């Protein structure tokens, strides 16, 4: 579904990614881990057209994303939840979901909102509440549901549990796994809560200084604490 081949990118003249190659298959959760500053968020931004591709190839369903904007990515079926950008606090929960489907016909949008409320019951219970009144975990569920409204084939999540307590993080991780199982959407997730994300992903990549230094099954790291520790040194 998604394939990156020897991708270079960065900010201004500063190169951050150096020959990054990875793949995400249909219906799977792939995790991208590594120390702070490794380039994990940069990978998501270059996939979604927020940053320019300097060198290499990014393919989605066989289509090149080399010169694709964020808007084009949404139309192609790639959703994105950026780090820390959870909700429009001054809008209600339902209005936040409506923003996610602004390109959909009215009846289709209504159907998609009902589907998200089925998967995330709290969004139905609190649909008339202002999103700013929700807990951090509930806000994150709103952000994920909003990104799912257009029915993406691939969802990019950038540290969805940033700043959340252990209890709320567990609830969010469980919902992410449930969403993948129920909708079939593929997910590429950047996350610092490594032990938790290893429990829900099918494949894991680790970055260090903008390079992929590990590519394998999560069990390889869950069963080898020394190797996991080495990836963050």
Foldseek 3Di string as FASTA:
>chain_A
DKWWAQWWFDDDPDIQAGGATDDFDFLFEEEEEFAPSLCPLVVVCCLQAVTATPDTFIADVNDTCRNPHNVRLVVVFEFEDHPPPQFDQQQFLQVRLCVLVVVDDPVLLVVLVVVLCVLVVVCVVRRRPRLNPDDLLVSLSSRVSSRPSSPGQEYEEEASCPPHDPVSVLVNLVSVLVCSVPRRRYYYYYHHVLVSNLVRGQWYWYGGSNYTPDTGGSVVCVVPVPVVVVRHD
